Amino acid sequence: MSGLTLQIDEAFTVHPPTSSAWWFLGSLRPTAATRFNVQEVSVVGRDVRLEVFHDRIAVWSKPGTEAVQTHEQARELFGLVVGAYSLITGVALDWSLDGWVEARDATFGGTVMGVVADSRGLRSPMGSPRSQRSVDMRRAAKLAVATRHKPGWRLALRDIHAALDTPDDDLFVFAYRVLEDIARAVSGRAGELRASDWGKLHTHLGTSKAEFMKRTEPIRTARQAAAHGDELDPDLDAAREKPEHVLDLTRKIVAEALVLVPEMPFRLTYLRKA
């Protein structure tokens, strides 16, 4: 329920995959940016489902080999949902994992998340499933599920959220790191990027090295200036005047790269102007 926080025991016992069902519950903030109504997004078939209701986010999992049964798994999923939402909308929500319930030897066909919403100042405390926010959040949840086991894309979503959520010059560092993330996602490189890896990204995007370098110059110069820590750097001053330009450009490049991956549930029309 809204306002209820459970203490998380970092050393809780993980039981065998078939012995327990799990419910993980988290919160989204600020409340004024929530009022979501997203129910039963499939994470693993019908056995693991995600819901985002008002200012709460939850995942429930039947017993099984692919069950979400640790707080690390739940945190990763919640963080990816929020990251995907920041890519789509340009809004970086705060989030937390507040607690869980373990039901041993459980058998059930489904579950429903209930929320006691704080309706003060609101005509209707719950939004419609067809509201733009809910549509955007459902798309974000599906994208989070699709990237869950794809390291490069997963990191890109996290770093986009970090860039949007960072109020200082570090946002430019995160923005550039997003480009590195998608270069690794496209090339399959796990270590330090090589020129050939960037070349694969250029090919993936249907552009040339020269065109890509010109297009990403605002991101690269801002990152270089921020990393050097020179407060008087003219490139850094220029980037500070319009940080939204760097952030919007970063989001657009990631969106263009994602839409070219067949298994990703994403379209360019999903991207909202921040």
C-alpha atoms as a PDB file:
ATOM      1  CA  MET A   1       0.000   0.000   0.000  1.00  0.00           C
ATOM      2  CA  SER A   2       1.056   3.579  -0.559  1.00  0.00           C
ATOM      3  CA  GLY A   3       3.327   4.793   2.210  1.00  0.00           C
ATOM      4  CA  LEU A   4       4.179   1.297   3.477  1.00  0.00           C
ATOM      5  CA  THR A   5       7.895   0.558   3.544  1.00  0.00           C
ATOM      6  CA  LEU A   6       9.261  -2.862   4.465  1.00  0.00           C
ATOM      7  CA  GLN A   7      12.799  -3.425   5.667  1.00  0.00           C
ATOM      8  CA  ILE A   8      14.930  -5.274   3.140  1.00  0.00           C
ATOM      9  CA  ASP A   9      17.089  -8.068   4.553  1.00  0.00           C
ATOM     10  CA  GLU A  10      20.148  -8.214   2.285  1.00  0.00           C
ATOM     11  CA  ALA A  11      20.970 -11.733   3.475  1.00  0.00           C
ATOM     12  CA  PHE A  12      17.594 -13.405   2.932  1.00  0.00           C
ATOM     13  CA  THR A  13      17.674 -17.026   1.855  1.00  0.00           C
ATOM     14  CA  VAL A  14      17.109 -17.879  -1.801  1.00  0.00           C
ATOM     15  CA  HIS A  15      15.001 -21.029  -1.960  1.00  0.00           C
ATOM     16  CA  PRO A  16      15.001 -23.554  -4.819  1.00  0.00           C
ATOM     17  CA  PRO A  17      13.319 -22.215  -7.987  1.00  0.00           C
ATOM     18  CA  THR A  18      10.202 -24.361  -7.669  1.00  0.00           C
ATOM     19  CA  SER A  19       9.485 -23.786  -3.971  1.00  0.00           C
ATOM     20  CA  SER A  20       8.248 -20.188  -3.728  1.00  0.00           C
ATOM     21  CA  ALA A  21       6.261 -17.461  -5.418  1.00  0.00           C
ATOM     22  CA  TRP A  22       7.453 -13.861  -5.080  1.00  0.00           C
ATOM     23  CA  TRP A  23       5.942 -10.392  -5.051  1.00  0.00           C
ATOM     24  CA  PHE A  24       8.295  -7.396  -5.148  1.00  0.00           C
ATOM     25  CA  LEU A  25       6.918  -3.915  -4.525  1.00  0.00           C
ATOM     26  CA  GLY A  26       8.512  -0.545  -5.275  1.00  0.00           C
ATOM     27  CA  SER A  27       7.681   3.170  -5.471  1.00  0.00           C
ATOM     28  CA  LEU A  28       7.950   5.820  -8.184  1.00  0.00           C
ATOM     29  CA  ARG A  29       8.431   9.542  -7.536  1.00  0.00           C
ATOM     30  CA  PRO A  30       7.440  12.341  -7.820  1.00  0.00           C
ATOM     31  CA  THR A  31       3.804  11.368  -7.429  1.00  0.00           C
ATOM     32  CA  ALA A  32       2.746  14.270  -9.651  1.00  0.00           C
ATOM     33  CA  ALA A  33       4.485  12.531 -12.570  1.00  0.00           C
ATOM     34  CA  THR A  34       2.861   9.127 -11.988  1.00  0.00           C
ATOM     35  CA  ARG A  35      -0.817   8.089 -11.858  1.00  0.00           C
ATOM     36  CA  PHE A  36      -0.014   5.117 -14.102  1.00  0.00           C
ATOM     37  CA  ASN A  37      -2.408   2.293 -14.909  1.00  0.00           C
ATOM     38  CA  VAL A  38      -0.368  -0.515 -16.467  1.00  0.00           C
ATOM     39  CA  GLN A  39      -1.343  -4.077 -15.646  1.00  0.00           C
ATOM     40  CA  GLU A  40       0.080  -7.515 -16.400  1.00  0.00           C
ATOM     41  CA  VAL A  41       3.053  -6.890 -18.664  1.00  0.00           C
ATOM     42  CA  SER A  42       4.656 -10.250 -19.419  1.00  0.00           C
ATOM     43  CA  VAL A  43       8.246 -10.647 -18.208  1.00  0.00           C
ATOM     44  CA  VAL A  44       8.502 -14.426 -18.664  1.00  0.00           C
ATOM     45  CA  GLY A  45       5.378 -15.805 -20.351  1.00  0.00           C
ATOM     46  CA  ARG A  46       2.429 -15.837 -17.974  1.00  0.00           C
ATOM     47  CA  ASP A  47       4.575 -16.843 -15.015  1.00  0.00           C
ATOM     48  CA  VAL A  48       6.255 -13.503 -14.302  1.00  0.00           C
ATOM     49  CA  ARG A  49       4.279 -10.267 -14.637  1.00  0.00           C
ATOM     50  CA  LEU A  50       5.019  -6.588 -14.086  1.00  0.00           C
ATOM     51  CA  GLU A  51       2.513  -3.909 -13.071  1.00  0.00           C
ATOM     52  CA  VAL A  52       2.796  -0.141 -12.628  1.00  0.00           C
ATOM     53  CA  PHE A  53      -0.163   1.271 -10.758  1.00  0.00           C
ATOM     54  CA  HIS A  54      -0.415   4.921  -9.642  1.00  0.00           C
ATOM     55  CA  ASP A  55       2.968   5.549  -7.958  1.00  0.00           C
ATOM     56  CA  ARG A  56       3.815   1.907  -7.308  1.00  0.00           C
ATOM     57  CA  ILE A  57       5.665  -0.686  -9.377  1.00  0.00           C
ATOM     58  CA  ALA A  58       5.539  -4.423  -8.728  1.00  0.00           C
ATOM     59  CA  VAL A  59       6.549  -7.755 -10.158  1.00  0.00           C
ATOM     60  CA  TRP A  60       4.990 -11.077  -9.230  1.00  0.00           C
ATOM     61  CA  SER A  61       6.524 -14.396 -10.086  1.00  0.00           C
ATOM     62  CA  LYS A  62       5.266 -17.956 -10.012  1.00  0.00           C
ATOM     63  CA  PRO A  63       7.657 -20.688  -8.911  1.00  0.00           C
ATOM     64  CA  GLY A  64       9.822 -21.879 -11.778  1.00  0.00           C
ATOM     65  CA  THR A  65      13.255 -21.956 -13.323  1.00  0.00           C
ATOM     66  CA  GLU A  66      12.944 -18.387 -14.641  1.00  0.00           C
ATOM     67  CA  ALA A  67      11.298 -16.902 -11.588  1.00  0.00           C
ATOM     68  CA  VAL A  68      12.302 -13.443 -10.376  1.00  0.00           C
ATOM     69  CA  GLN A  69      13.168 -14.398  -6.816  1.00  0.00           C
ATOM     70  CA  THR A  70      15.936 -12.077  -5.577  1.00  0.00           C
ATOM     71  CA  HIS A  71      15.893  -8.402  -4.749  1.00  0.00           C
ATOM     72  CA  GLU A  72      18.816  -7.924  -7.165  1.00  0.00           C
ATOM     73  CA  GLN A  73      16.692  -9.232 -10.045  1.00  0.00           C
ATOM     74  CA  ALA A  74      13.753  -7.032  -9.041  1.00  0.00           C
ATOM     75  CA  ARG A  75      15.961  -3.953  -8.695  1.00  0.00           C
ATOM     76  CA  GLU A  76      17.460  -4.547 -12.117  1.00  0.00           C
ATOM     77  CA  LEU A  77      14.024  -4.868 -13.702  1.00  0.00           C
ATOM     78  CA  PHE A  78      12.606  -1.781 -11.963  1.00  0.00           C
ATOM     79  CA  GLY A  79      15.673   0.243 -12.947  1.00  0.00           C
ATOM     80  CA  LEU A  80      15.318  -0.824 -16.584  1.00  0.00           C
ATOM     81  CA  VAL A  81      11.640   0.123 -16.656  1.00  0.00           C
ATOM     82  CA  VAL A  82      12.454   3.591 -15.335  1.00  0.00           C
ATOM     83  CA  GLY A  83      15.381   3.853 -17.771  1.00  0.00           C
ATOM     84  CA  ALA A  84      13.193   2.905 -20.734  1.00  0.00           C
ATOM     85  CA  TYR A  85      10.581   5.411 -19.600  1.00  0.00           C
ATOM     86  CA  SER A  86      13.237   8.145 -19.507  1.00  0.00           C
ATOM     87  CA  LEU A  87      14.258   7.268 -23.066  1.00  0.00           C
ATOM     88  CA  ILE A  88      10.676   7.472 -24.310  1.00  0.00           C
ATOM     89  CA  THR A  89       9.537  10.561 -22.396  1.00  0.00           C
ATOM     90  CA  GLY A  90      12.660  12.437 -21.294  1.00  0.00           C
ATOM     91  CA  VAL A  91      11.382  12.176 -17.689  1.00  0.00           C
ATOM     92  CA  ALA A  92      13.716  10.576 -15.141  1.00  0.00           C
ATOM     93  CA  LEU A  93      11.593   9.156 -12.343  1.00  0.00           C
ATOM     94  CA  ASP A  94      13.050   8.306  -8.951  1.00  0.00           C
ATOM     95  CA  TRP A  95      12.367   4.777  -7.814  1.00  0.00           C
ATOM     96  CA  SER A  96      12.939   2.416  -4.914  1.00  0.00           C
ATOM     97  CA  LEU A  97      12.411  -1.222  -4.035  1.00  0.00           C
ATOM     98  CA  ASP A  98      10.414  -1.159  -0.801  1.00  0.00           C
ATOM     99  CA  GLY A  99       9.909  -4.802   0.051  1.00  0.00           C
ATOM    100  CA  TRP A 100       8.679  -8.231  -0.965  1.00  0.00           C
ATOM    101  CA  VAL A 101       6.536 -11.196  -0.021  1.00  0.00           C
ATOM    102  CA  GLU A 102       7.639 -14.788  -0.396  1.00  0.00           C
ATOM    103  CA  ALA A 103       4.935 -17.462  -0.503  1.00  0.00           C
ATOM    104  CA  ARG A 104       6.358 -20.942  -0.094  1.00  0.00           C
ATOM    105  CA  ASP A 105       4.744 -23.867  -1.908  1.00  0.00           C
ATOM    106  CA  ALA A 106       2.337 -21.409  -3.517  1.00  0.00           C
ATOM    107  CA  THR A 107      -0.115 -22.218  -6.290  1.00  0.00           C
ATOM    108  CA  PHE A 108      -2.110 -19.493  -8.065  1.00  0.00           C
ATOM    109  CA  GLY A 109      -3.456 -18.579 -11.495  1.00  0.00           C
ATOM    110  CA  GLY A 110      -2.854 -14.835 -11.252  1.00  0.00           C
ATOM    111  CA  THR A 111      -2.536 -11.902  -8.907  1.00  0.00           C
ATOM    112  CA  VAL A 112      -3.689  -8.289  -8.649  1.00  0.00           C
ATOM    113  CA  MET A 113      -1.728  -5.364  -7.241  1.00  0.00           C
ATOM    114  CA  GLY A 114      -3.828  -3.019  -5.103  1.00  0.00           C
ATOM    115  CA  VAL A 115      -2.810   0.508  -4.159  1.00  0.00           C
ATOM    116  CA  VAL A 116      -4.324   2.915  -1.653  1.00  0.00           C
ATOM    117  CA  ALA A 117      -3.628   6.142  -3.543  1.00  0.00           C
ATOM    118  CA  ASP A 118      -3.197   9.534  -1.927  1.00  0.00           C
ATOM    119  CA  SER A 119      -5.921  11.413  -3.789  1.00  0.00           C
ATOM    120  CA  ARG A 120      -5.413  14.802  -2.143  1.00  0.00           C
ATOM    121  CA  GLY A 121      -5.515  17.509  -4.788  1.00  0.00           C
ATOM    122  CA  LEU A 122      -6.521  15.062  -7.513  1.00  0.00           C
ATOM    123  CA  ARG A 123      -9.904  14.817  -9.194  1.00  0.00           C
ATOM    124  CA  SER A 124      -9.297  11.182  -9.976  1.00  0.00           C
ATOM    125  CA  PRO A 125      -6.418   9.405  -8.195  1.00  0.00           C
ATOM    126  CA  MET A 126      -6.026   6.795 -10.933  1.00  0.00           C
ATOM    127  CA  GLY A 127      -5.243   7.432 -14.558  1.00  0.00           C
ATOM    128  CA  SER A 128      -6.745   5.569 -17.485  1.00  0.00           C
ATOM    129  CA  PRO A 129      -4.853   2.691 -19.142  1.00  0.00           C
ATOM    130  CA  ARG A 130      -5.251   4.725 -22.337  1.00  0.00           C
ATOM    131  CA  SER A 131      -3.716   7.909 -20.928  1.00  0.00           C
ATOM    132  CA  GLN A 132      -0.491   8.951 -22.635  1.00  0.00           C
ATOM    133  CA  ARG A 133       1.499   8.325 -19.458  1.00  0.00           C
ATOM    134  CA  SER A 134       0.173   4.801 -19.126  1.00  0.00           C
ATOM    135  CA  VAL A 135       0.736   4.059 -22.811  1.00  0.00           C
ATOM    136  CA  ASP A 136       4.317   5.338 -22.510  1.00  0.00           C
ATOM    137  CA  MET A 137       4.907   3.297 -19.353  1.00  0.00           C
ATOM    138  CA  ARG A 138       3.540   0.093 -20.924  1.00  0.00           C
ATOM    139  CA  ARG A 139       5.880   0.593 -23.872  1.00  0.00           C
ATOM    140  CA  ALA A 140       8.745   1.239 -21.447  1.00  0.00           C
ATOM    141  CA  ALA A 141       7.982  -1.949 -19.524  1.00  0.00           C
ATOM    142  CA  LYS A 142       8.004  -4.022 -22.711  1.00  0.00           C
ATOM    143  CA  LEU A 143      11.293  -2.455 -23.808  1.00  0.00           C
ATOM    144  CA  ALA A 144      12.805  -3.129 -20.382  1.00  0.00           C
ATOM    145  CA  VAL A 145      11.847  -6.798 -20.651  1.00  0.00           C
ATOM    146  CA  ALA A 146      13.348  -7.016 -24.154  1.00  0.00           C
ATOM    147  CA  THR A 147      16.691  -5.524 -23.037  1.00  0.00           C
ATOM    148  CA  ARG A 148      16.902  -7.376 -19.743  1.00  0.00           C
ATOM    149  CA  HIS A 149      19.477  -9.906 -20.997  1.00  0.00           C
ATOM    150  CA  LYS A 150      21.209  -7.658 -23.556  1.00  0.00           C
ATOM    151  CA  PRO A 151      24.061  -5.859 -21.751  1.00  0.00           C
ATOM    152  CA  GLY A 152      24.742  -3.007 -24.186  1.00  0.00           C
ATOM    153  CA  TRP A 153      21.111  -1.951 -24.551  1.00  0.00           C
ATOM    154  CA  ARG A 154      20.528  -2.468 -20.835  1.00  0.00           C
ATOM    155  CA  LEU A 155      23.398  -0.138 -19.961  1.00  0.00           C
ATOM    156  CA  ALA A 156      22.210   2.441 -22.494  1.00  0.00           C
ATOM    157  CA  LEU A 157      18.830   2.674 -20.759  1.00  0.00           C
ATOM    158  CA  ARG A 158      20.478   3.032 -17.358  1.00  0.00           C
ATOM    159  CA  ASP A 159      22.869   5.708 -18.570  1.00  0.00           C
ATOM    160  CA  ILE A 160      20.102   7.703 -20.271  1.00  0.00           C
ATOM    161  CA  HIS A 161      18.279   7.790 -16.952  1.00  0.00           C
ATOM    162  CA  ALA A 162      21.490   8.817 -15.192  1.00  0.00           C
ATOM    163  CA  ALA A 163      22.106  11.630 -17.699  1.00  0.00           C
ATOM    164  CA  LEU A 164      18.562  12.969 -17.318  1.00  0.00           C
ATOM    165  CA  ASP A 165      18.688  12.633 -13.545  1.00  0.00           C
ATOM    166  CA  THR A 166      22.063  14.348 -13.061  1.00  0.00           C
ATOM    167  CA  PRO A 167      21.842  18.111 -12.365  1.00  0.00           C
ATOM    168  CA  ASP A 168      25.517  18.898 -12.956  1.00  0.00           C
ATOM    169  CA  ASP A 169      28.166  18.544 -15.673  1.00  0.00           C
ATOM    170  CA  ASP A 170      28.325  14.780 -15.169  1.00  0.00           C
ATOM    171  CA  LEU A 171      25.237  14.507 -17.357  1.00  0.00           C
ATOM    172  CA  PHE A 172      27.483  15.074 -20.395  1.00  0.00           C
ATOM    173  CA  VAL A 173      29.703  12.178 -19.328  1.00  0.00           C
ATOM    174  CA  PHE A 174      26.686   9.896 -19.018  1.00  0.00           C
ATOM    175  CA  ALA A 175      25.335  11.083 -22.382  1.00  0.00           C
ATOM    176  CA  TYR A 176      28.562  10.134 -24.141  1.00  0.00           C
ATOM    177  CA  ARG A 177      28.674   6.829 -22.313  1.00  0.00           C
ATOM    178  CA  VAL A 178      25.280   6.040 -23.856  1.00  0.00           C
ATOM    179  CA  LEU A 179      26.916   6.211 -27.301  1.00  0.00           C
ATOM    180  CA  GLU A 180      29.581   3.780 -26.108  1.00  0.00           C
ATOM    181  CA  ASP A 181      26.838   1.486 -24.764  1.00  0.00           C
ATOM    182  CA  ILE A 182      25.029   1.233 -28.096  1.00  0.00           C
ATOM    183  CA  ALA A 183      28.329   0.771 -29.938  1.00  0.00           C
ATOM    184  CA  ARG A 184      28.965  -2.249 -27.706  1.00  0.00           C
ATOM    185  CA  ALA A 185      25.393  -3.460 -28.178  1.00  0.00           C
ATOM    186  CA  VAL A 186      25.705  -3.376 -31.972  1.00  0.00           C
ATOM    187  CA  SER A 187      29.259  -4.695 -32.216  1.00  0.00           C
ATOM    188  CA  GLY A 188      29.073  -7.251 -29.415  1.00  0.00           C
ATOM    189  CA  ARG A 189      32.257  -5.848 -27.875  1.00  0.00           C
ATOM    190  CA  ALA A 190      32.520  -6.451 -24.124  1.00  0.00           C
ATOM    191  CA  GLY A 191      35.807  -4.640 -23.543  1.00  0.00           C
ATOM    192  CA  GLU A 192      37.376  -1.425 -24.747  1.00  0.00           C
ATOM    193  CA  LEU A 193      35.866  -0.184 -27.982  1.00  0.00           C
ATOM    194  CA  ARG A 194      37.883  -0.276 -31.196  1.00  0.00           C
ATOM    195  CA  ALA A 195      37.508   1.747 -34.372  1.00  0.00           C
ATOM    196  CA  SER A 196      35.866  -1.260 -36.021  1.00  0.00           C
ATOM    197  CA  ASP A 197      33.178  -1.313 -33.317  1.00  0.00           C
ATOM    198  CA  TRP A 198      32.278   2.303 -34.005  1.00  0.00           C
ATOM    199  CA  GLY A 199      32.271   1.399 -37.696  1.00  0.00           C
ATOM    200  CA  LYS A 200      29.634  -1.258 -37.039  1.00  0.00           C
ATOM    201  CA  LEU A 201      27.493   1.336 -35.269  1.00  0.00           C
ATOM    202  CA  HIS A 202      27.842   3.707 -38.227  1.00  0.00           C
ATOM    203  CA  THR A 203      26.772   0.903 -40.581  1.00  0.00           C
ATOM    204  CA  HIS A 204      23.879  -0.033 -38.300  1.00  0.00           C
ATOM    205  CA  LEU A 205      22.623   3.558 -38.355  1.00  0.00           C
ATOM    206  CA  GLY A 206      23.156   3.881 -42.092  1.00  0.00           C
ATOM    207  CA  THR A 207      25.614   6.729 -41.748  1.00  0.00           C
ATOM    208  CA  SER A 208      29.317   7.393 -42.298  1.00  0.00           C
ATOM    209  CA  LYS A 209      32.012   8.100 -39.749  1.00  0.00           C
ATOM    210  CA  ALA A 210      32.220  11.740 -40.856  1.00  0.00           C
ATOM    211  CA  GLU A 211      28.450  12.242 -40.608  1.00  0.00           C
ATOM    212  CA  PHE A 212      28.278  10.536 -37.221  1.00  0.00           C
ATOM    213  CA  MET A 213      31.170  12.584 -35.841  1.00  0.00           C
ATOM    214  CA  LYS A 214      29.576  15.808 -37.028  1.00  0.00           C
ATOM    215  CA  ARG A 215      26.193  14.888 -35.603  1.00  0.00           C
ATOM    216  CA  THR A 216      27.535  13.829 -32.208  1.00  0.00           C
ATOM    217  CA  GLU A 217      29.985  16.717 -31.852  1.00  0.00           C
ATOM    218  CA  PRO A 218      27.870  18.479 -29.168  1.00  0.00           C
ATOM    219  CA  ILE A 219      27.888  15.297 -27.051  1.00  0.00           C
ATOM    220  CA  ARG A 220      31.585  14.590 -27.557  1.00  0.00           C
ATOM    221  CA  THR A 221      32.839  18.137 -26.904  1.00  0.00           C
ATOM    222  CA  ALA A 222      30.650  18.528 -23.815  1.00  0.00           C
ATOM    223  CA  ARG A 223      31.843  15.204 -22.437  1.00  0.00           C
ATOM    224  CA  GLN A 224      35.493  16.025 -23.069  1.00  0.00           C
ATOM    225  CA  ALA A 225      35.157  19.422 -21.400  1.00  0.00           C
ATOM    226  CA  ALA A 226      33.318  17.977 -18.388  1.00  0.00           C
ATOM    227  CA  ALA A 227      35.809  15.135 -17.986  1.00  0.00           C
ATOM    228  CA  HIS A 228      38.738  17.571 -17.973  1.00  0.00           C
ATOM    229  CA  GLY A 229      37.118  19.555 -15.170  1.00  0.00           C
ATOM    230  CA  ASP A 230      37.914  22.970 -16.662  1.00  0.00           C
ATOM    231  CA  GLU A 231      35.138  25.211 -15.352  1.00  0.00           C
ATOM    232  CA  LEU A 232      36.072  27.933 -17.853  1.00  0.00           C
ATOM    233  CA  ASP A 233      36.083  25.710 -20.938  1.00  0.00           C
ATOM    234  CA  PRO A 234      34.028  27.491 -23.635  1.00  0.00           C
ATOM    235  CA  ASP A 235      32.658  24.162 -24.926  1.00  0.00           C
ATOM    236  CA  LEU A 236      31.400  23.359 -21.437  1.00  0.00           C
ATOM    237  CA  ASP A 237      29.817  26.805 -21.102  1.00  0.00           C
ATOM    238  CA  ALA A 238      28.062  26.310 -24.439  1.00  0.00           C
ATOM    239  CA  ALA A 239      26.747  22.893 -23.387  1.00  0.00           C
ATOM    240  CA  ARG A 240      25.499  24.252 -20.055  1.00  0.00           C
ATOM    241  CA  GLU A 241      23.368  26.821 -21.856  1.00  0.00           C
ATOM    242  CA  LYS A 242      21.380  24.115 -23.647  1.00  0.00           C
ATOM    243  CA  PRO A 243      21.863  20.753 -21.902  1.00  0.00           C
ATOM    244  CA  GLU A 244      18.514  19.645 -23.274  1.00  0.00           C
ATOM    245  CA  HIS A 245      20.038  19.703 -26.768  1.00  0.00           C
ATOM    246  CA  VAL A 246      22.642  17.121 -25.757  1.00  0.00           C
ATOM    247  CA  LEU A 247      20.056  15.003 -23.944  1.00  0.00           C
ATOM    248  CA  ASP A 248      17.500  15.076 -26.766  1.00  0.00           C
ATOM    249  CA  LEU A 249      20.164  14.216 -29.338  1.00  0.00           C
ATOM    250  CA  THR A 250      21.361  11.289 -27.233  1.00  0.00           C
ATOM    251  CA  ARG A 251      17.822   9.937 -26.850  1.00  0.00           C
ATOM    252  CA  LYS A 252      17.173  10.266 -30.576  1.00  0.00           C
ATOM    253  CA  ILE A 253      20.337   8.390 -31.572  1.00  0.00           C
ATOM    254  CA  VAL A 254      19.523   5.529 -29.191  1.00  0.00           C
ATOM    255  CA  ALA A 255      15.955   5.399 -30.520  1.00  0.00           C
ATOM    256  CA  GLU A 256      17.203   5.244 -34.111  1.00  0.00           C
ATOM    257  CA  ALA A 257      19.564   2.409 -33.204  1.00  0.00           C
ATOM    258  CA  LEU A 258      16.908   0.471 -31.265  1.00  0.00           C
ATOM    259  CA  VAL A 259      14.288   0.604 -33.970  1.00  0.00           C
ATOM    260  CA  LEU A 260      16.660  -1.205 -36.336  1.00  0.00           C
ATOM    261  CA  VAL A 261      16.859  -4.237 -34.034  1.00  0.00           C
ATOM    262  CA  PRO A 262      13.974  -6.534 -35.074  1.00  0.00           C
ATOM    263  CA  GLU A 263      13.381  -8.071 -31.649  1.00  0.00           C
ATOM    264  CA  MET A 264      13.040  -4.695 -29.911  1.00  0.00           C
ATOM    265  CA  PRO A 265       9.416  -3.578 -29.310  1.00  0.00           C
ATOM    266  CA  PHE A 266      10.135   0.025 -30.248  1.00  0.00           C
ATOM    267  CA  ARG A 267       9.172   2.606 -32.861  1.00  0.00           C
ATOM    268  CA  LEU A 268      10.461   6.118 -33.455  1.00  0.00           C
ATOM    269  CA  THR A 269       6.936   7.419 -32.942  1.00  0.00           C
ATOM    270  CA  TYR A 270       7.179   6.341 -29.280  1.00  0.00           C
ATOM    271  CA  LEU A 271       9.723   9.100 -28.599  1.00  0.00           C
ATOM    272  CA  ARG A 272       8.216  12.093 -26.798  1.00  0.00           C
ATOM    273  CA  LYS A 273       9.532  15.616 -26.788  1.00  0.00           C
ATOM    274  CA  ALA A 274      10.891  16.253 -23.300  1.00  0.00           C
END
